[in-house]
N, C-alpha and C. Protein backbone atom coordinates (compact mmCIF):
# COMPACT_ATOMS: atom_id res chain seq x y z
N MET A 1 -3.60 2.51 11.76
CA MET A 1 -3.67 3.10 10.33
C MET A 1 -4.63 2.32 9.64
N LYS A 2 -5.45 3.12 8.72
CA LYS A 2 -6.53 2.55 7.96
C LYS A 2 -6.32 1.43 7.19
N VAL A 3 -5.08 1.64 6.45
CA VAL A 3 -4.62 0.70 5.34
C VAL A 3 -4.34 -0.70 6.01
N LEU A 4 -3.97 -0.71 7.42
CA LEU A 4 -3.60 -2.15 7.92
C LEU A 4 -4.90 -2.73 8.51
N LEU A 5 -5.84 -1.94 8.78
CA LEU A 5 -7.17 -2.45 9.00
C LEU A 5 -7.90 -3.11 7.70
N VAL A 6 -7.80 -2.53 6.66
CA VAL A 6 -8.29 -2.94 5.62
C VAL A 6 -7.44 -4.22 5.04
N LEU A 7 -6.27 -4.16 5.19
CA LEU A 7 -5.57 -5.36 4.96
C LEU A 7 -5.90 -6.76 5.83
N ILE A 8 -5.88 -6.53 7.06
CA ILE A 8 -6.23 -7.56 8.01
C ILE A 8 -7.52 -8.03 8.00
N ILE A 9 -8.38 -7.12 8.15
CA ILE A 9 -9.93 -7.44 7.92
C ILE A 9 -10.24 -8.30 6.41
N SER A 10 -9.74 -7.69 5.39
CA SER A 10 -9.99 -8.23 4.00
C SER A 10 -9.36 -9.66 4.20
N PHE A 11 -8.13 -9.92 4.81
CA PHE A 11 -7.62 -11.19 4.75
C PHE A 11 -8.33 -12.13 5.55
N ILE A 12 -8.93 -11.87 6.81
CA ILE A 12 -9.69 -12.81 7.64
C ILE A 12 -10.95 -13.06 6.86
N LEU A 13 -11.50 -12.15 6.33
CA LEU A 13 -13.09 -12.21 5.67
C LEU A 13 -12.74 -13.27 4.54
N THR A 14 -11.86 -12.93 3.69
CA THR A 14 -11.58 -13.83 2.38
C THR A 14 -11.39 -15.02 2.94
N ALA A 15 -10.42 -15.21 3.86
CA ALA A 15 -10.08 -16.82 4.24
C ALA A 15 -11.23 -17.57 4.81
N VAL A 16 -12.28 -16.66 5.59
CA VAL A 16 -13.23 -17.24 6.13
C VAL A 16 -14.39 -17.63 5.11
N LEU A 17 -14.62 -16.58 4.18
CA LEU A 17 -15.63 -16.88 3.03
C LEU A 17 -14.90 -18.15 2.16
N SER A 18 -13.68 -18.21 1.89
CA SER A 18 -13.16 -19.24 1.18
C SER A 18 -13.50 -20.61 1.83
N ARG A 19 -13.12 -20.72 3.08
CA ARG A 19 -13.47 -22.02 3.83
C ARG A 19 -15.06 -22.18 3.71
N PHE A 20 -15.83 -21.12 4.11
CA PHE A 20 -17.22 -21.63 3.92
C PHE A 20 -17.69 -22.18 2.69
N PHE A 21 -17.21 -21.59 1.41
CA PHE A 21 -17.56 -21.92 0.32
C PHE A 21 -16.88 -23.05 -0.42
N THR A 22 -15.68 -23.23 -0.16
CA THR A 22 -15.04 -24.25 -0.77
C THR A 22 -14.40 -25.32 0.23
N GLY A 23 -14.57 -25.25 1.58
CA GLY A 23 -13.96 -26.07 2.53
C GLY A 23 -12.41 -25.93 2.57
N ASP A 24 -11.92 -24.95 2.13
CA ASP A 24 -10.29 -24.86 2.00
C ASP A 24 -10.01 -23.26 2.40
N TRP A 25 -9.15 -22.97 3.50
CA TRP A 25 -8.96 -21.57 3.82
C TRP A 25 -8.45 -20.93 2.71
N ASN A 26 -7.61 -21.50 1.86
CA ASN A 26 -6.91 -20.66 0.58
C ASN A 26 -6.33 -19.37 1.04
N LEU A 27 -5.35 -19.62 1.88
CA LEU A 27 -4.58 -18.51 2.60
C LEU A 27 -3.73 -17.55 1.42
N MET A 28 -3.41 -18.39 0.48
CA MET A 28 -2.50 -17.52 -0.51
C MET A 28 -3.54 -16.70 -1.40
N LEU A 29 -4.61 -17.06 -1.81
CA LEU A 29 -5.58 -16.33 -2.47
C LEU A 29 -6.00 -15.38 -1.49
N SER A 30 -6.38 -15.49 -0.24
CA SER A 30 -6.75 -14.44 0.80
C SER A 30 -5.68 -13.42 0.89
N GLY A 31 -4.49 -13.73 0.93
CA GLY A 31 -3.42 -12.73 1.38
C GLY A 31 -3.54 -11.80 0.01
N ASN A 32 -3.62 -12.38 -1.25
CA ASN A 32 -3.55 -11.36 -2.53
C ASN A 32 -4.84 -10.74 -2.72
N VAL A 33 -5.88 -11.20 -2.27
CA VAL A 33 -7.18 -10.44 -2.26
C VAL A 33 -7.02 -9.18 -1.15
N ALA A 34 -6.51 -9.52 -0.08
CA ALA A 34 -6.31 -8.57 0.87
C ALA A 34 -5.50 -7.55 0.42
N MET A 35 -4.28 -7.86 -0.22
CA MET A 35 -3.34 -6.78 -0.64
C MET A 35 -3.85 -6.02 -1.75
N MET A 36 -4.80 -6.73 -2.51
CA MET A 36 -5.49 -5.98 -3.64
C MET A 36 -6.57 -4.71 -3.04
N LEU A 37 -7.02 -5.24 -2.10
CA LEU A 37 -8.04 -4.24 -1.44
C LEU A 37 -7.43 -3.23 -0.80
N MET A 38 -6.35 -3.33 -0.22
CA MET A 38 -5.61 -2.54 0.66
C MET A 38 -5.22 -1.52 -0.51
N LEU A 39 -4.48 -1.95 -1.45
CA LEU A 39 -4.20 -1.03 -2.77
C LEU A 39 -5.04 -0.28 -3.23
N TRP A 40 -6.28 -0.72 -3.27
CA TRP A 40 -7.46 0.09 -3.88
C TRP A 40 -7.71 1.07 -2.96
N PHE A 41 -7.85 0.78 -1.83
CA PHE A 41 -8.11 1.82 -0.67
C PHE A 41 -7.08 2.70 -0.59
N ALA A 42 -5.78 2.40 -0.57
CA ALA A 42 -4.74 3.50 -0.70
C ALA A 42 -4.68 4.11 -1.86
N SER A 43 -5.01 3.71 -3.00
CA SER A 43 -5.02 4.65 -4.14
C SER A 43 -5.92 5.66 -4.16
N LEU A 44 -7.03 5.53 -3.03
CA LEU A 44 -7.96 6.72 -3.06
C LEU A 44 -7.48 7.99 -2.58
N GLY A 45 -6.48 7.60 -1.67
CA GLY A 45 -5.77 8.98 -1.20
C GLY A 45 -4.91 9.80 -2.04
N HIS A 46 -4.59 9.11 -3.17
CA HIS A 46 -3.70 9.49 -4.14
C HIS A 46 -4.53 10.68 -5.17
N PHE A 47 -6.04 10.48 -5.02
CA PHE A 47 -6.61 11.31 -5.81
C PHE A 47 -7.71 12.24 -4.97
N MET A 48 -7.82 11.63 -3.80
CA MET A 48 -8.54 12.68 -2.51
C MET A 48 -7.60 13.64 -1.98
N PHE A 49 -6.34 13.24 -1.88
CA PHE A 49 -5.36 14.08 -0.91
C PHE A 49 -4.16 14.15 -1.60
N THR A 50 -4.35 14.45 -3.04
CA THR A 50 -3.36 14.96 -3.67
C THR A 50 -2.43 16.12 -3.09
N ARG A 51 -2.82 16.93 -2.64
CA ARG A 51 -1.98 18.14 -2.07
C ARG A 51 -1.07 17.43 -0.88
N GLY A 52 -1.54 16.64 -0.09
CA GLY A 52 -1.04 16.17 1.04
C GLY A 52 0.17 14.99 0.54
N MET A 53 -0.14 14.38 -0.39
CA MET A 53 0.82 13.45 -1.08
C MET A 53 1.93 14.40 -1.82
N ILE A 54 1.72 15.20 -2.45
CA ILE A 54 2.61 16.28 -3.03
C ILE A 54 3.54 16.57 -1.97
N MET A 55 3.05 17.00 -0.91
CA MET A 55 3.90 17.59 0.27
C MET A 55 4.94 16.39 0.69
N MET A 56 4.55 15.33 0.82
CA MET A 56 5.18 14.28 1.31
C MET A 56 6.70 14.19 0.64
N MET A 57 6.84 14.54 -0.64
CA MET A 57 7.75 14.24 -1.49
C MET A 57 8.98 15.28 -1.22
N PRO A 58 10.20 14.86 -1.30
CA PRO A 58 11.48 16.00 -1.11
C PRO A 58 11.24 16.91 -2.38
N SER A 59 11.71 18.07 -1.99
CA SER A 59 11.80 19.18 -3.19
C SER A 59 12.24 18.83 -4.43
N PHE A 60 13.58 18.05 -4.49
CA PHE A 60 14.11 17.78 -5.49
C PHE A 60 13.27 17.00 -6.55
N ILE A 61 12.17 16.42 -6.27
CA ILE A 61 11.56 15.51 -7.07
C ILE A 61 10.66 16.22 -8.08
N PRO A 62 10.85 16.04 -9.45
CA PRO A 62 10.08 16.62 -10.37
C PRO A 62 8.79 15.86 -10.55
N PHE A 63 7.81 16.59 -11.22
CA PHE A 63 6.57 16.01 -11.90
C PHE A 63 5.77 15.48 -10.65
N LYS A 64 5.56 16.26 -9.39
CA LYS A 64 5.09 15.47 -8.25
C LYS A 64 3.48 15.02 -8.57
N VAL A 65 2.86 15.99 -9.15
CA VAL A 65 1.41 15.69 -9.35
C VAL A 65 1.18 14.55 -10.33
N GLY A 66 1.92 14.36 -11.25
CA GLY A 66 1.68 13.15 -12.09
C GLY A 66 2.39 11.94 -11.27
N LEU A 67 3.53 12.01 -10.53
CA LEU A 67 3.88 10.92 -9.81
C LEU A 67 2.84 10.30 -8.79
N VAL A 68 2.28 11.40 -8.22
CA VAL A 68 1.08 10.93 -7.46
C VAL A 68 -0.04 10.29 -7.95
N TYR A 69 -0.48 10.57 -9.22
CA TYR A 69 -1.70 10.03 -9.80
C TYR A 69 -1.13 8.69 -10.54
N LEU A 70 0.22 8.82 -11.01
CA LEU A 70 0.66 7.44 -11.53
C LEU A 70 0.77 6.36 -10.45
N THR A 71 1.26 6.55 -9.38
CA THR A 71 1.37 5.72 -8.20
C THR A 71 -0.02 5.35 -7.94
N GLY A 72 -1.13 6.10 -7.73
CA GLY A 72 -2.50 5.78 -7.62
C GLY A 72 -3.04 4.82 -8.60
N ILE A 73 -2.57 4.92 -9.93
CA ILE A 73 -3.28 4.37 -10.92
C ILE A 73 -2.62 2.90 -10.85
N MET A 74 -1.17 3.01 -10.62
CA MET A 74 -0.48 1.86 -10.63
C MET A 74 -1.03 0.83 -9.40
N GLU A 75 -1.25 1.36 -8.23
CA GLU A 75 -1.94 0.58 -7.20
C GLU A 75 -3.21 -0.16 -7.67
N ILE A 76 -4.06 0.68 -8.47
CA ILE A 76 -5.38 0.18 -8.84
C ILE A 76 -5.01 -0.85 -9.83
N ILE A 77 -4.17 -0.98 -10.70
CA ILE A 77 -3.88 -1.92 -11.74
C ILE A 77 -3.39 -3.00 -11.27
N LEU A 78 -2.22 -2.79 -10.33
CA LEU A 78 -1.50 -4.05 -9.95
C LEU A 78 -2.04 -4.84 -8.78
N GLY A 79 -3.29 -4.22 -8.21
CA GLY A 79 -3.97 -4.95 -7.25
C GLY A 79 -4.58 -6.14 -7.78
N PRO A 80 -5.24 -6.05 -8.86
CA PRO A 80 -5.92 -7.37 -9.52
C PRO A 80 -4.98 -8.34 -10.11
N MET A 81 -3.72 -7.74 -10.68
CA MET A 81 -2.68 -8.71 -11.10
C MET A 81 -2.41 -9.72 -10.11
N LEU A 82 -2.64 -9.28 -8.81
CA LEU A 82 -2.04 -10.24 -7.81
C LEU A 82 -2.88 -11.48 -7.75
N VAL A 83 -4.20 -11.29 -8.08
CA VAL A 83 -5.09 -12.50 -8.02
C VAL A 83 -5.01 -13.34 -9.50
N ILE A 84 -4.24 -12.92 -10.25
CA ILE A 84 -4.15 -13.64 -11.67
C ILE A 84 -2.89 -14.37 -11.56
N ASN A 85 -2.92 -15.63 -11.67
CA ASN A 85 -1.83 -16.35 -11.57
C ASN A 85 -0.43 -16.09 -12.42
N ALA A 86 -0.73 -15.68 -13.62
CA ALA A 86 0.18 -15.37 -14.73
C ALA A 86 0.80 -14.04 -14.55
N ALA A 87 0.12 -13.18 -13.66
CA ALA A 87 0.58 -11.77 -13.52
C ALA A 87 1.07 -11.60 -12.06
N ARG A 88 1.06 -12.52 -11.07
CA ARG A 88 1.29 -12.17 -9.74
C ARG A 88 2.58 -11.96 -9.57
N HIS A 89 3.45 -12.76 -10.21
CA HIS A 89 4.95 -12.54 -9.74
C HIS A 89 5.35 -11.25 -10.10
N ILE A 90 5.13 -10.53 -11.52
CA ILE A 90 5.55 -9.35 -11.83
C ILE A 90 4.91 -8.22 -11.17
N ALA A 91 3.62 -8.41 -10.67
CA ALA A 91 3.05 -7.38 -9.85
C ALA A 91 3.56 -7.38 -8.57
N GLY A 92 4.01 -8.41 -8.03
CA GLY A 92 4.70 -8.57 -6.76
C GLY A 92 5.89 -7.82 -6.70
N ILE A 93 6.83 -8.22 -7.73
CA ILE A 93 8.07 -7.32 -7.76
C ILE A 93 7.70 -6.03 -8.02
N THR A 94 6.81 -5.65 -8.80
CA THR A 94 6.69 -4.01 -8.85
C THR A 94 6.26 -3.47 -7.84
N LEU A 95 5.35 -4.04 -7.00
CA LEU A 95 4.91 -3.49 -5.82
C LEU A 95 5.99 -3.39 -4.87
N LEU A 96 7.04 -4.38 -4.68
CA LEU A 96 8.26 -4.36 -3.89
C LEU A 96 8.99 -3.14 -4.18
N VAL A 97 9.43 -2.76 -5.37
CA VAL A 97 10.10 -1.78 -5.90
C VAL A 97 9.30 -0.29 -5.56
N MET A 98 8.01 -0.45 -5.42
CA MET A 98 7.12 0.79 -5.24
C MET A 98 7.27 0.94 -3.71
N PHE A 99 7.13 0.08 -2.94
CA PHE A 99 7.01 0.14 -1.49
C PHE A 99 8.58 0.54 -1.11
N VAL A 100 9.58 0.11 -1.60
CA VAL A 100 10.95 0.61 -0.96
C VAL A 100 11.03 1.91 -1.58
N LEU A 101 10.57 2.27 -2.73
CA LEU A 101 10.82 3.81 -3.12
C LEU A 101 9.90 4.85 -2.19
N MET A 102 8.99 4.33 -1.99
CA MET A 102 7.85 5.15 -1.14
C MET A 102 8.34 5.39 0.20
N LEU A 103 9.03 4.48 0.74
CA LEU A 103 9.47 4.76 2.37
C LEU A 103 10.21 6.11 2.64
N PRO A 104 11.22 6.45 1.61
CA PRO A 104 11.67 7.59 1.93
C PRO A 104 10.91 8.97 1.78
N ALA A 105 9.78 8.76 1.15
CA ALA A 105 8.68 9.92 0.93
C ALA A 105 7.94 9.84 2.39
N ASN A 106 7.77 8.77 2.81
CA ASN A 106 7.00 8.79 4.26
C ASN A 106 7.83 9.13 5.32
N ILE A 107 9.09 8.88 5.19
CA ILE A 107 10.26 9.25 6.34
C ILE A 107 10.23 10.92 6.28
N ASN A 108 10.22 11.63 4.93
CA ASN A 108 10.22 12.87 4.60
C ASN A 108 8.95 13.70 5.31
N ALA A 109 7.83 12.80 4.91
CA ALA A 109 6.63 13.41 5.40
C ALA A 109 6.65 13.60 6.85
N ALA A 110 7.04 12.51 7.80
CA ALA A 110 6.99 12.64 9.07
C ALA A 110 8.14 13.65 9.50
N ILE A 111 9.00 13.84 8.99
CA ILE A 111 10.19 14.85 9.33
C ILE A 111 9.30 16.24 9.38
N LYS A 112 8.78 16.48 8.21
CA LYS A 112 8.11 17.55 7.83
C LYS A 112 6.70 17.98 8.61
N HIS A 113 6.22 16.87 9.35
CA HIS A 113 5.10 16.78 9.92
C HIS A 113 3.98 17.23 9.02
N VAL A 114 3.95 16.49 7.85
CA VAL A 114 2.83 16.65 6.76
C VAL A 114 1.56 15.57 7.50
N ASP A 115 0.56 16.41 7.29
CA ASP A 115 -0.83 15.78 7.51
C ASP A 115 -1.50 15.37 6.09
N ILE A 116 -1.40 14.50 5.74
CA ILE A 116 -1.71 14.12 4.19
C ILE A 116 -3.18 14.37 3.87
N GLU A 117 -4.06 14.03 4.98
CA GLU A 117 -5.41 14.24 4.48
C GLU A 117 -6.03 15.67 4.55
N LYS A 118 -5.20 16.62 5.36
CA LYS A 118 -5.33 17.84 5.46
C LYS A 118 -4.64 18.88 4.60
N GLY A 119 -3.56 18.30 4.15
CA GLY A 119 -2.49 18.93 3.15
C GLY A 119 -2.00 20.14 3.97
N THR A 120 -1.37 19.87 5.39
CA THR A 120 -0.88 20.90 6.11
C THR A 120 0.28 20.32 6.77
N TYR A 121 1.13 21.08 7.49
CA TYR A 121 2.22 20.67 8.03
C TYR A 121 2.05 20.55 9.61
N ASN A 122 0.67 20.01 9.94
CA ASN A 122 0.60 19.89 11.34
C ASN A 122 0.24 18.26 11.58
N GLY A 123 1.11 17.59 11.12
CA GLY A 123 1.10 16.22 11.22
C GLY A 123 1.66 15.78 12.50
N SER A 124 1.65 14.40 12.88
CA SER A 124 2.25 13.68 14.06
C SER A 124 3.48 13.89 14.15
N GLY A 125 4.50 13.97 13.16
CA GLY A 125 5.86 14.01 13.25
C GLY A 125 6.51 12.60 13.20
N THR A 126 7.79 12.62 13.59
CA THR A 126 8.65 11.57 13.49
C THR A 126 8.22 10.55 14.49
N GLY A 127 7.33 10.77 15.39
CA GLY A 127 6.93 9.51 16.15
C GLY A 127 5.98 8.47 15.40
N TYR A 128 5.39 9.04 14.26
CA TYR A 128 4.57 8.29 13.09
C TYR A 128 5.51 7.25 12.55
N LEU A 129 6.87 7.53 12.54
CA LEU A 129 7.70 6.41 11.99
C LEU A 129 7.91 5.21 12.74
N LEU A 130 7.51 5.30 14.02
CA LEU A 130 7.59 4.27 14.84
C LEU A 130 6.39 3.13 14.52
N PHE A 131 5.49 3.57 13.71
CA PHE A 131 4.53 2.74 13.16
C PHE A 131 4.62 2.49 11.64
N ARG A 132 5.11 3.73 10.82
CA ARG A 132 5.08 3.57 9.74
C ARG A 132 6.15 2.64 8.87
N ILE A 133 7.26 2.67 9.68
CA ILE A 133 8.54 1.70 9.04
C ILE A 133 7.94 0.34 9.32
N PRO A 134 7.80 -0.13 10.49
CA PRO A 134 7.28 -1.55 10.64
C PRO A 134 6.09 -1.83 9.53
N LEU A 135 5.42 -0.82 9.39
CA LEU A 135 4.13 -1.14 8.55
C LEU A 135 4.71 -1.36 7.14
N GLN A 136 5.68 -0.56 6.65
CA GLN A 136 6.16 -0.69 5.45
C GLN A 136 6.86 -2.18 5.14
N VAL A 137 7.67 -2.34 6.11
CA VAL A 137 8.25 -3.76 6.15
C VAL A 137 7.10 -4.67 6.20
N LEU A 138 5.91 -4.77 6.79
CA LEU A 138 4.92 -5.79 6.85
C LEU A 138 4.56 -5.78 5.43
N PHE A 139 4.25 -4.93 4.68
CA PHE A 139 3.67 -4.73 3.32
C PHE A 139 5.01 -5.59 2.64
N ILE A 140 6.14 -5.24 2.54
CA ILE A 140 7.18 -5.87 1.96
C ILE A 140 7.14 -7.34 1.83
N ALA A 141 6.95 -7.80 3.41
CA ALA A 141 7.14 -9.25 3.58
C ALA A 141 5.78 -9.83 3.32
N TRP A 142 4.61 -9.26 3.20
CA TRP A 142 3.26 -9.58 2.66
C TRP A 142 3.58 -10.04 1.22
N VAL A 143 3.88 -9.15 0.66
CA VAL A 143 4.11 -9.28 -0.86
C VAL A 143 5.04 -10.43 -1.07
N LEU A 144 6.23 -10.34 -0.58
CA LEU A 144 7.11 -11.45 -0.86
C LEU A 144 6.64 -12.90 -0.52
N TYR A 145 5.75 -12.80 0.59
CA TYR A 145 5.37 -14.30 1.01
C TYR A 145 3.93 -14.79 0.21
N PHE A 146 2.95 -13.74 -0.04
CA PHE A 146 2.11 -14.25 -0.76
C PHE A 146 2.06 -13.95 -2.15
N SER A 147 2.75 -13.05 -2.73
CA SER A 147 2.67 -12.74 -4.29
C SER A 147 3.99 -13.22 -4.94
N VAL A 148 5.08 -12.92 -4.31
CA VAL A 148 6.42 -13.23 -4.95
C VAL A 148 6.88 -14.65 -4.58
N GLY A 149 6.54 -15.16 -3.53
CA GLY A 149 6.70 -16.51 -3.17
C GLY A 149 8.15 -16.96 -2.75
N VAL A 150 8.64 -15.87 -1.89
CA VAL A 150 9.93 -16.12 -1.16
C VAL A 150 9.71 -16.85 0.18
């Protein structure tokens, strides 16, 4: 998945650049910069693939369009908060809540075979969950380690 590549490549590049310019790997900063860039990348989907994102949500959820845009905006705002010491903890906690709340939508999308980018029901189906659930757990663990400090 593209977001995983953005996260890993950003982490490596930030750590290497930090080492080159400061002599220190600065892994905590690198982890938070990588999550910020991943969130910014992921937020694009909320605006480019709104229809597919709406299709992910269970039918009982109201205000789907507003929620898609709101979560995209939250990703844009929370990302930079991760690299500000005074804001990191609250941003991390907020992201943890978002990641937990978004998982059911991802499961629902897989069950319904939603193709987010095309806005159709021709997606890969439940096999996708073998990747998506561990990915969501990785995001949660990443934020716990780099941002919340657990």
